[in-house]
Amino acid sequence: MKHLRLYCSALFLTVLSVHTTAAQQPPVTYPRITAYVGILHPLVTVSRAQEPHYNFDGAYVVGMPTGINIWKSARIGFSMEFVPLIRANGGTSKMNNFLFHPGALFGLGKGFTLATRAAFETSGRYGFTPVLNKIVKKGAGSSVFVAVPVPVRFGNDQPVSCTLGFQFGIIF
């Protein structure tokens, strides 16, 4: 019985602590500025002129997106993203492309965001990238997210291409 009372007391104090902590957090105010860093892995690229090209097949490409989001409200915002892309092949690696990625953000609720980005690459390609983003772990000062970008690219005397990628990172 003594253990049951101790357990109930601990449970009561935990619930009280969680309730008062949640009540003490100020409401989110807008405009709100957030920043993020992440890792981007292109998985597969398709175009009419070539067979599908898979990352890790002969070469490995990884991007390191860094961005700033300016939220006007919980439902709409603006984002600027900068992505250096590194290519490793044959025992060497180099930064072979840099992407400037501005766009609109649409808060979909329940931790989901749709980013609609324009794309301008130093490789001479341009296009757009829809990105579906989900916060998977929300913290007090930062949150962990996963995202699925689908870049569509044109230009530089190459056929139109579409890539499916996977991204994860931290928003703070």
N, C-alpha and C. Protein backbone atom coordinates (compact mmCIF):
# COMPACT_ATOMS: atom_id res chain seq x y z
N MET A 1 0.82 -1.18 0.00
CA MET A 1 0.00 0.00 0.00
C MET A 1 0.87 1.25 0.00
N LYS A 2 1.99 1.19 0.73
CA LYS A 2 2.88 2.34 0.80
C LYS A 2 3.43 2.65 -0.59
N HIS A 3 3.77 1.61 -1.37
CA HIS A 3 4.29 1.82 -2.72
C HIS A 3 3.23 2.41 -3.64
N LEU A 4 1.98 1.98 -3.45
CA LEU A 4 0.89 2.50 -4.26
C LEU A 4 0.69 3.99 -4.00
N ARG A 5 0.74 4.42 -2.75
CA ARG A 5 0.61 5.85 -2.43
C ARG A 5 1.78 6.64 -3.01
N LEU A 6 2.97 6.10 -2.91
CA LEU A 6 4.15 6.77 -3.45
C LEU A 6 4.02 6.90 -4.97
N TYR A 7 3.58 5.82 -5.62
CA TYR A 7 3.39 5.83 -7.07
C TYR A 7 2.33 6.86 -7.46
N CYS A 8 1.19 6.88 -6.78
CA CYS A 8 0.11 7.83 -7.07
C CYS A 8 0.57 9.27 -6.85
N SER A 9 1.33 9.50 -5.80
CA SER A 9 1.85 10.85 -5.54
C SER A 9 2.79 11.29 -6.65
N ALA A 10 3.67 10.40 -7.06
CA ALA A 10 4.61 10.72 -8.15
C ALA A 10 3.86 10.99 -9.44
N LEU A 11 2.84 10.19 -9.74
CA LEU A 11 2.04 10.38 -10.94
C LEU A 11 1.32 11.73 -10.89
N PHE A 12 0.73 12.08 -9.74
CA PHE A 12 0.03 13.34 -9.58
C PHE A 12 0.99 14.53 -9.78
N LEU A 13 2.17 14.46 -9.20
CA LEU A 13 3.14 15.54 -9.35
C LEU A 13 3.62 15.67 -10.79
N THR A 14 3.78 14.54 -11.48
CA THR A 14 4.20 14.57 -12.89
C THR A 14 3.13 15.24 -13.75
N VAL A 15 1.87 14.83 -13.56
CA VAL A 15 0.77 15.43 -14.32
C VAL A 15 0.66 16.91 -14.02
N LEU A 16 0.77 17.28 -12.77
CA LEU A 16 0.71 18.69 -12.38
C LEU A 16 1.85 19.47 -13.02
N SER A 17 3.04 18.90 -13.01
CA SER A 17 4.21 19.55 -13.61
C SER A 17 4.02 19.75 -15.11
N VAL A 18 3.55 18.73 -15.81
CA VAL A 18 3.32 18.83 -17.25
C VAL A 18 2.25 19.87 -17.53
N HIS A 19 1.17 19.85 -16.76
CA HIS A 19 0.08 20.80 -16.96
C HIS A 19 0.55 22.24 -16.74
N THR A 20 1.30 22.49 -15.68
CA THR A 20 1.75 23.86 -15.41
C THR A 20 2.82 24.29 -16.41
N THR A 21 3.66 23.36 -16.89
CA THR A 21 4.66 23.72 -17.90
C THR A 21 3.97 24.13 -19.19
N ALA A 22 2.95 23.36 -19.61
CA ALA A 22 2.23 23.70 -20.82
C ALA A 22 1.51 25.03 -20.67
N ALA A 23 0.97 25.30 -19.50
CA ALA A 23 0.25 26.55 -19.27
C ALA A 23 1.20 27.75 -19.25
N GLN A 24 2.46 27.53 -18.88
CA GLN A 24 3.41 28.63 -18.79
C GLN A 24 4.01 29.02 -20.13
N GLN A 25 3.92 28.16 -21.15
CA GLN A 25 4.48 28.49 -22.45
C GLN A 25 3.64 29.58 -23.10
N PRO A 26 4.30 30.65 -23.56
CA PRO A 26 3.55 31.73 -24.18
C PRO A 26 2.98 31.28 -25.52
N PRO A 27 1.88 31.88 -25.95
CA PRO A 27 1.33 31.53 -27.26
C PRO A 27 2.29 31.97 -28.36
N VAL A 28 2.25 31.27 -29.47
CA VAL A 28 3.11 31.63 -30.61
C VAL A 28 2.60 32.93 -31.20
N THR A 29 3.52 33.86 -31.43
CA THR A 29 3.15 35.14 -32.03
C THR A 29 3.73 35.23 -33.43
N TYR A 30 3.07 36.00 -34.27
CA TYR A 30 3.49 36.15 -35.66
C TYR A 30 3.67 37.62 -35.97
N PRO A 31 4.59 37.96 -36.86
CA PRO A 31 5.44 37.07 -37.64
C PRO A 31 6.46 36.34 -36.76
N ARG A 32 6.84 35.15 -37.21
CA ARG A 32 7.77 34.29 -36.48
C ARG A 32 8.88 33.85 -37.42
N ILE A 33 10.11 33.89 -36.94
CA ILE A 33 11.26 33.49 -37.75
C ILE A 33 11.85 32.22 -37.17
N THR A 34 12.06 31.22 -38.04
CA THR A 34 12.74 29.99 -37.65
C THR A 34 13.86 29.73 -38.64
N ALA A 35 14.79 28.89 -38.24
CA ALA A 35 15.91 28.50 -39.11
C ALA A 35 16.04 26.99 -39.03
N TYR A 36 16.73 26.42 -40.00
CA TYR A 36 16.91 24.97 -39.99
C TYR A 36 18.19 24.57 -40.72
N VAL A 37 18.64 23.38 -40.42
CA VAL A 37 19.76 22.74 -41.11
C VAL A 37 19.37 21.29 -41.32
N GLY A 38 19.90 20.68 -42.36
CA GLY A 38 19.53 19.30 -42.63
C GLY A 38 20.50 18.59 -43.55
N ILE A 39 20.14 17.38 -43.87
CA ILE A 39 20.87 16.55 -44.82
C ILE A 39 19.87 16.10 -45.88
N LEU A 40 20.25 16.21 -47.15
CA LEU A 40 19.39 15.85 -48.27
C LEU A 40 20.04 14.71 -49.05
N HIS A 41 19.27 13.66 -49.28
CA HIS A 41 19.73 12.53 -50.09
C HIS A 41 18.82 12.40 -51.30
N PRO A 42 19.28 12.76 -52.51
CA PRO A 42 18.50 12.44 -53.70
C PRO A 42 18.48 10.91 -53.83
N LEU A 43 17.32 10.33 -54.07
CA LEU A 43 17.23 8.86 -54.14
C LEU A 43 17.24 8.36 -55.58
N VAL A 44 16.37 8.91 -56.42
CA VAL A 44 16.30 8.47 -57.82
C VAL A 44 15.90 9.65 -58.69
N THR A 45 16.50 9.74 -59.88
CA THR A 45 16.19 10.78 -60.85
C THR A 45 15.73 10.11 -62.14
N VAL A 46 14.62 10.60 -62.68
CA VAL A 46 14.10 10.07 -63.93
C VAL A 46 13.97 11.20 -64.95
N SER A 47 14.18 10.84 -66.24
CA SER A 47 13.95 11.74 -67.36
C SER A 47 13.60 10.88 -68.57
N ARG A 48 13.06 11.48 -69.59
CA ARG A 48 12.67 10.72 -70.78
C ARG A 48 13.89 10.21 -71.55
N ALA A 49 15.00 10.90 -71.46
CA ALA A 49 16.17 10.55 -72.28
C ALA A 49 17.02 9.43 -71.67
N GLN A 50 16.86 9.14 -70.39
CA GLN A 50 17.76 8.19 -69.74
C GLN A 50 16.97 7.22 -68.87
N GLU A 51 17.63 6.11 -68.55
CA GLU A 51 17.10 5.19 -67.56
C GLU A 51 17.12 5.89 -66.20
N PRO A 52 16.34 5.44 -65.23
CA PRO A 52 16.41 6.04 -63.89
C PRO A 52 17.84 5.98 -63.35
N HIS A 53 18.25 7.07 -62.72
CA HIS A 53 19.59 7.12 -62.11
C HIS A 53 19.41 7.14 -60.59
N TYR A 54 20.05 6.19 -59.93
CA TYR A 54 19.93 6.06 -58.48
C TYR A 54 21.17 6.62 -57.79
N ASN A 55 20.95 7.34 -56.70
CA ASN A 55 22.07 7.78 -55.89
C ASN A 55 22.75 6.53 -55.33
N PHE A 56 24.02 6.58 -55.05
CA PHE A 56 24.83 5.46 -54.57
C PHE A 56 25.20 4.51 -55.71
N ASP A 57 24.74 4.75 -56.95
CA ASP A 57 25.04 3.88 -58.08
C ASP A 57 26.17 4.51 -58.90
N GLY A 58 27.41 4.24 -58.52
CA GLY A 58 28.57 4.82 -59.19
C GLY A 58 29.06 6.11 -58.56
N ALA A 59 28.16 6.88 -57.98
CA ALA A 59 28.53 8.13 -57.31
C ALA A 59 27.53 8.37 -56.20
N TYR A 60 27.91 9.21 -55.25
CA TYR A 60 27.04 9.56 -54.13
C TYR A 60 26.92 11.07 -54.07
N VAL A 61 25.68 11.57 -54.04
CA VAL A 61 25.43 13.01 -53.93
C VAL A 61 24.69 13.25 -52.62
N VAL A 62 25.14 14.27 -51.88
CA VAL A 62 24.47 14.65 -50.64
C VAL A 62 24.39 16.18 -50.60
N GLY A 63 23.26 16.69 -50.14
CA GLY A 63 23.09 18.12 -49.98
C GLY A 63 22.98 18.49 -48.52
N MET A 64 23.33 19.72 -48.21
CA MET A 64 23.26 20.22 -46.83
C MET A 64 22.43 21.49 -46.79
N PRO A 65 21.10 21.36 -46.83
CA PRO A 65 20.24 22.55 -46.85
C PRO A 65 20.27 23.32 -45.54
N THR A 66 20.31 24.63 -45.69
CA THR A 66 20.24 25.56 -44.57
C THR A 66 19.25 26.64 -44.97
N GLY A 67 18.34 26.99 -44.08
CA GLY A 67 17.35 27.96 -44.49
C GLY A 67 16.78 28.78 -43.36
N ILE A 68 16.06 29.80 -43.77
CA ILE A 68 15.35 30.70 -42.86
C ILE A 68 13.90 30.76 -43.30
N ASN A 69 12.99 30.55 -42.35
CA ASN A 69 11.55 30.63 -42.61
C ASN A 69 10.99 31.85 -41.89
N ILE A 70 10.18 32.60 -42.59
CA ILE A 70 9.48 33.73 -41.99
C ILE A 70 7.99 33.43 -42.11
N TRP A 71 7.38 33.11 -40.98
CA TRP A 71 5.97 32.75 -40.95
C TRP A 71 5.13 33.99 -40.69
N LYS A 72 4.19 34.31 -41.60
CA LYS A 72 3.26 35.42 -41.41
C LYS A 72 2.15 35.00 -40.45
N SER A 73 1.74 33.72 -40.55
CA SER A 73 0.74 33.14 -39.67
C SER A 73 1.05 31.65 -39.58
N ALA A 74 0.22 30.90 -38.88
CA ALA A 74 0.45 29.45 -38.78
C ALA A 74 0.19 28.76 -40.12
N ARG A 75 -0.44 29.44 -41.06
CA ARG A 75 -0.82 28.81 -42.32
C ARG A 75 0.01 29.24 -43.52
N ILE A 76 0.74 30.36 -43.44
CA ILE A 76 1.50 30.82 -44.61
C ILE A 76 2.79 31.50 -44.19
N GLY A 77 3.83 31.28 -45.00
CA GLY A 77 5.12 31.88 -44.72
C GLY A 77 5.99 31.92 -45.97
N PHE A 78 7.19 32.43 -45.79
CA PHE A 78 8.19 32.54 -46.87
C PHE A 78 9.47 31.87 -46.38
N SER A 79 10.18 31.23 -47.29
CA SER A 79 11.41 30.53 -46.93
C SER A 79 12.50 30.80 -47.95
N MET A 80 13.72 30.91 -47.46
CA MET A 80 14.91 30.97 -48.32
C MET A 80 15.83 29.84 -47.90
N GLU A 81 16.19 29.00 -48.86
CA GLU A 81 17.04 27.84 -48.58
C GLU A 81 18.27 27.89 -49.47
N PHE A 82 19.40 27.49 -48.91
CA PHE A 82 20.66 27.44 -49.63
C PHE A 82 21.23 26.04 -49.47
N VAL A 83 21.56 25.38 -50.60
CA VAL A 83 21.94 23.98 -50.54
C VAL A 83 23.23 23.74 -51.33
N PRO A 84 24.38 23.58 -50.65
CA PRO A 84 25.56 23.09 -51.36
C PRO A 84 25.42 21.58 -51.55
N LEU A 85 25.73 21.11 -52.76
CA LEU A 85 25.63 19.68 -53.07
C LEU A 85 27.03 19.12 -53.31
N ILE A 86 27.34 18.06 -52.62
CA ILE A 86 28.66 17.43 -52.71
C ILE A 86 28.51 16.10 -53.43
N ARG A 87 29.42 15.84 -54.35
CA ARG A 87 29.41 14.59 -55.12
C ARG A 87 30.70 13.83 -54.83
N ALA A 88 30.55 12.59 -54.40
CA ALA A 88 31.69 11.71 -54.16
C ALA A 88 31.70 10.63 -55.23
N ASN A 89 32.86 10.47 -55.88
CA ASN A 89 32.97 9.52 -56.97
C ASN A 89 34.43 9.11 -57.14
N GLY A 90 34.68 7.82 -57.23
CA GLY A 90 36.04 7.34 -57.49
C GLY A 90 37.06 7.73 -56.44
N GLY A 91 36.66 7.80 -55.19
CA GLY A 91 37.60 8.11 -54.12
C GLY A 91 37.84 9.59 -53.88
N THR A 92 37.20 10.46 -54.66
CA THR A 92 37.33 11.91 -54.43
C THR A 92 35.95 12.52 -54.24
N SER A 93 35.92 13.71 -53.70
CA SER A 93 34.66 14.42 -53.54
C SER A 93 34.86 15.90 -53.80
N LYS A 94 33.79 16.56 -54.24
CA LYS A 94 33.85 18.01 -54.46
C LYS A 94 32.44 18.57 -54.41
N MET A 95 32.35 19.86 -54.13
CA MET A 95 31.07 20.54 -54.23
C MET A 95 30.85 20.81 -55.70
N ASN A 96 29.84 20.17 -56.29
CA ASN A 96 29.66 20.34 -57.73
C ASN A 96 28.44 21.16 -58.11
N ASN A 97 27.67 21.63 -57.11
CA ASN A 97 26.49 22.42 -57.42
C ASN A 97 26.07 23.20 -56.18
N PHE A 98 25.45 24.35 -56.41
CA PHE A 98 24.90 25.14 -55.32
C PHE A 98 23.50 25.56 -55.74
N LEU A 99 22.54 25.40 -54.84
CA LEU A 99 21.13 25.64 -55.14
C LEU A 99 20.59 26.77 -54.28
N PHE A 100 19.97 27.77 -54.92
CA PHE A 100 19.22 28.81 -54.22
C PHE A 100 17.76 28.45 -54.39
N HIS A 101 17.01 28.38 -53.27
CA HIS A 101 15.71 27.75 -53.23
C HIS A 101 14.67 28.59 -52.48
N PRO A 102 14.22 29.74 -53.02
CA PRO A 102 13.20 30.53 -52.31
C PRO A 102 11.80 29.96 -52.56
N GLY A 103 10.88 30.22 -51.64
CA GLY A 103 9.53 29.74 -51.88
C GLY A 103 8.54 30.06 -50.78
N ALA A 104 7.31 29.64 -51.01
CA ALA A 104 6.21 29.84 -50.07
C ALA A 104 6.02 28.60 -49.21
N LEU A 105 5.60 28.82 -47.97
CA LEU A 105 5.32 27.74 -47.02
C LEU A 105 3.83 27.75 -46.70
N PHE A 106 3.25 26.56 -46.64
CA PHE A 106 1.84 26.42 -46.30
C PHE A 106 1.71 25.44 -45.14
N GLY A 107 1.30 25.94 -43.98
CA GLY A 107 1.08 25.09 -42.81
C GLY A 107 -0.19 24.27 -43.02
N LEU A 108 -0.06 22.95 -43.01
CA LEU A 108 -1.20 22.06 -43.26
C LEU A 108 -1.82 21.52 -41.98
N GLY A 109 -1.19 21.81 -40.84
CA GLY A 109 -1.68 21.30 -39.56
C GLY A 109 -1.06 19.97 -39.20
N LYS A 110 -1.13 19.63 -37.91
CA LYS A 110 -0.62 18.36 -37.37
C LYS A 110 0.86 18.15 -37.69
N GLY A 111 1.64 19.23 -37.77
CA GLY A 111 3.08 19.13 -37.99
C GLY A 111 3.49 19.06 -39.44
N PHE A 112 2.54 19.11 -40.38
CA PHE A 112 2.86 19.04 -41.80
C PHE A 112 2.97 20.43 -42.40
N THR A 113 3.94 20.58 -43.32
CA THR A 113 4.11 21.82 -44.06
C THR A 113 4.38 21.47 -45.52
N LEU A 114 3.79 22.23 -46.43
CA LEU A 114 4.10 22.11 -47.85
C LEU A 114 4.92 23.32 -48.25
N ALA A 115 6.12 23.08 -48.75
CA ALA A 115 6.96 24.16 -49.27
C ALA A 115 6.90 24.09 -50.79
N THR A 116 6.65 25.21 -51.42
CA THR A 116 6.65 25.28 -52.89
C THR A 116 7.79 26.22 -53.27
N ARG A 117 8.86 25.65 -53.78
CA ARG A 117 10.09 26.40 -53.99
C ARG A 117 10.43 26.57 -55.47
N ALA A 118 10.96 27.74 -55.81
CA ALA A 118 11.62 27.93 -57.09
C ALA A 118 13.06 27.41 -56.92
N ALA A 119 13.71 27.04 -58.01
CA ALA A 119 15.05 26.46 -57.91
C ALA A 119 15.97 27.08 -58.94
N PHE A 120 17.14 27.53 -58.47
CA PHE A 120 18.16 28.11 -59.35
C PHE A 120 19.50 27.50 -58.96
N GLU A 121 20.10 26.75 -59.89
CA GLU A 121 21.34 26.01 -59.60
C GLU A 121 22.51 26.60 -60.36
N THR A 122 23.69 26.53 -59.76
CA THR A 122 24.90 26.99 -60.44
C THR A 122 25.28 26.06 -61.59
N SER A 123 24.69 24.89 -61.67
CA SER A 123 24.93 23.97 -62.79
C SER A 123 24.24 24.45 -64.07
N GLY A 124 23.44 25.51 -63.97
CA GLY A 124 22.72 26.02 -65.12
C GLY A 124 21.29 25.52 -65.19
N ARG A 125 20.89 24.66 -64.28
CA ARG A 125 19.53 24.14 -64.27
C ARG A 125 18.64 25.04 -63.41
N TYR A 126 17.36 24.99 -63.67
CA TYR A 126 16.38 25.76 -62.91
C TYR A 126 15.09 24.96 -62.90
N GLY A 127 14.15 25.36 -62.03
CA GLY A 127 12.89 24.64 -61.98
C GLY A 127 12.12 24.95 -60.72
N PHE A 128 11.47 23.92 -60.19
CA PHE A 128 10.68 24.09 -58.97
C PHE A 128 10.78 22.80 -58.15
N THR A 129 10.49 22.93 -56.85
CA THR A 129 10.57 21.79 -55.95
C THR A 129 9.44 21.85 -54.93
N PRO A 130 8.43 21.00 -55.06
CA PRO A 130 7.48 20.86 -53.96
C PRO A 130 8.10 19.96 -52.88
N VAL A 131 7.91 20.33 -51.62
CA VAL A 131 8.48 19.57 -50.50
C VAL A 131 7.39 19.37 -49.45
N LEU A 132 7.14 18.11 -49.09
CA LEU A 132 6.24 17.82 -47.99
C LEU A 132 7.08 17.53 -46.76
N ASN A 133 6.84 18.29 -45.70
CA ASN A 133 7.66 18.27 -44.49
C ASN A 133 6.78 17.86 -43.30
N LYS A 134 7.36 17.09 -42.38
CA LYS A 134 6.62 16.68 -41.17
C LYS A 134 7.55 16.79 -39.96
N ILE A 135 7.11 17.48 -38.93
CA ILE A 135 7.85 17.51 -37.67
C ILE A 135 7.56 16.20 -36.96
N VAL A 136 8.62 15.45 -36.65
CA VAL A 136 8.44 14.14 -36.02
C VAL A 136 8.75 14.15 -34.53
N LYS A 137 9.49 15.15 -34.07
CA LYS A 137 9.75 15.28 -32.64
C LYS A 137 9.84 16.76 -32.31
N LYS A 138 8.89 17.23 -31.54
CA LYS A 138 8.84 18.65 -31.18
C LYS A 138 9.48 18.85 -29.82
N GLY A 139 10.41 19.78 -29.76
CA GLY A 139 11.07 20.10 -28.50
C GLY A 139 10.80 21.55 -28.11
N ALA A 140 11.30 21.93 -26.95
CA ALA A 140 11.07 23.30 -26.46
C ALA A 140 11.81 24.32 -27.32
N GLY A 141 13.07 24.04 -27.67
CA GLY A 141 13.86 25.01 -28.43
C GLY A 141 14.14 24.59 -29.86
N SER A 142 13.88 23.33 -30.19
CA SER A 142 14.12 22.84 -31.54
C SER A 142 13.23 21.64 -31.82
N SER A 143 13.09 21.33 -33.09
CA SER A 143 12.27 20.20 -33.51
C SER A 143 13.00 19.43 -34.60
N VAL A 144 12.75 18.13 -34.68
CA VAL A 144 13.32 17.28 -35.72
C VAL A 144 12.26 17.09 -36.79
N PHE A 145 12.69 17.18 -38.07
CA PHE A 145 11.75 17.01 -39.17
C PHE A 145 12.28 16.01 -40.19
N VAL A 146 11.36 15.46 -40.95
CA VAL A 146 11.68 14.68 -42.15
C VAL A 146 10.90 15.31 -43.30
N ALA A 147 11.44 15.18 -44.51
CA ALA A 147 10.81 15.81 -45.67
C ALA A 147 11.03 14.97 -46.91
N VAL A 148 10.12 15.11 -47.86
CA VAL A 148 10.22 14.45 -49.15
C VAL A 148 10.19 15.53 -50.23
N PRO A 149 11.37 15.92 -50.75
CA PRO A 149 11.41 16.88 -51.85
C PRO A 149 11.28 16.15 -53.20
N VAL A 150 10.65 16.82 -54.16
CA VAL A 150 10.50 16.26 -55.51
C VAL A 150 10.93 17.34 -56.51
N PRO A 151 12.25 17.50 -56.70
CA PRO A 151 12.76 18.53 -57.62
C PRO A 151 12.45 18.21 -59.09
N VAL A 152 11.96 19.21 -59.82
CA VAL A 152 11.77 19.13 -61.26
C VAL A 152 12.69 20.18 -61.86
N ARG A 153 13.55 19.76 -62.81
CA ARG A 153 14.55 20.67 -63.36
C ARG A 153 14.49 20.73 -64.88
N PHE A 154 14.85 21.92 -65.39
CA PHE A 154 14.89 22.21 -66.82
C PHE A 154 16.24 22.85 -67.13
N GLY A 155 16.52 23.05 -68.42
CA GLY A 155 17.63 23.89 -68.85
C GLY A 155 18.98 23.21 -68.98
N ASN A 156 19.95 24.02 -69.43
CA ASN A 156 21.35 23.63 -69.60
C ASN A 156 21.49 22.50 -70.62
N ASP A 157 20.67 22.55 -71.67
CA ASP A 157 20.71 21.56 -72.76
C ASP A 157 20.57 20.13 -72.27
N GLN A 158 19.80 19.94 -71.21
CA GLN A 158 19.53 18.60 -70.69
C GLN A 158 18.01 18.38 -70.69
N PRO A 159 17.58 17.12 -70.75
CA PRO A 159 16.14 16.86 -70.72
C PRO A 159 15.55 17.20 -69.35
N VAL A 160 14.26 17.44 -69.34
CA VAL A 160 13.54 17.68 -68.08
C VAL A 160 13.74 16.46 -67.19
N SER A 161 14.00 16.70 -65.91
CA SER A 161 14.20 15.59 -64.96
C SER A 161 13.36 15.81 -63.72
N CYS A 162 13.07 14.71 -63.05
CA CYS A 162 12.33 14.74 -61.80
C CYS A 162 13.04 13.80 -60.83
N THR A 163 13.27 14.27 -59.64
CA THR A 163 14.01 13.50 -58.63
C THR A 163 13.13 13.31 -57.41
N LEU A 164 13.27 12.17 -56.77
CA LEU A 164 12.65 11.92 -55.48
C LEU A 164 13.76 11.90 -54.44
N GLY A 165 13.59 12.67 -53.36
CA GLY A 165 14.62 12.74 -52.35
C GLY A 165 14.08 12.50 -50.94
N PHE A 166 15.01 12.41 -50.01
CA PHE A 166 14.68 12.26 -48.59
C PHE A 166 15.54 13.26 -47.84
N GLN A 167 14.95 14.01 -46.93
CA GLN A 167 15.65 15.02 -46.16
C GLN A 167 15.26 14.91 -44.71
N PHE A 168 16.20 15.16 -43.82
CA PHE A 168 15.90 15.25 -42.40
C PHE A 168 16.75 16.34 -41.80
N GLY A 169 16.32 16.88 -40.65
CA GLY A 169 17.08 17.95 -40.05
C GLY A 169 16.46 18.47 -38.77
N ILE A 170 16.97 19.64 -38.35
CA ILE A 170 16.55 20.26 -37.10
C ILE A 170 16.08 21.69 -37.40
N ILE A 171 14.91 22.02 -36.88
CA ILE A 171 14.38 23.39 -36.96
C ILE A 171 14.57 24.03 -35.59
N PHE A 172 15.05 25.25 -35.58
CA PHE A 172 15.20 25.95 -34.29
C PHE A 172 14.80 27.40 -34.43
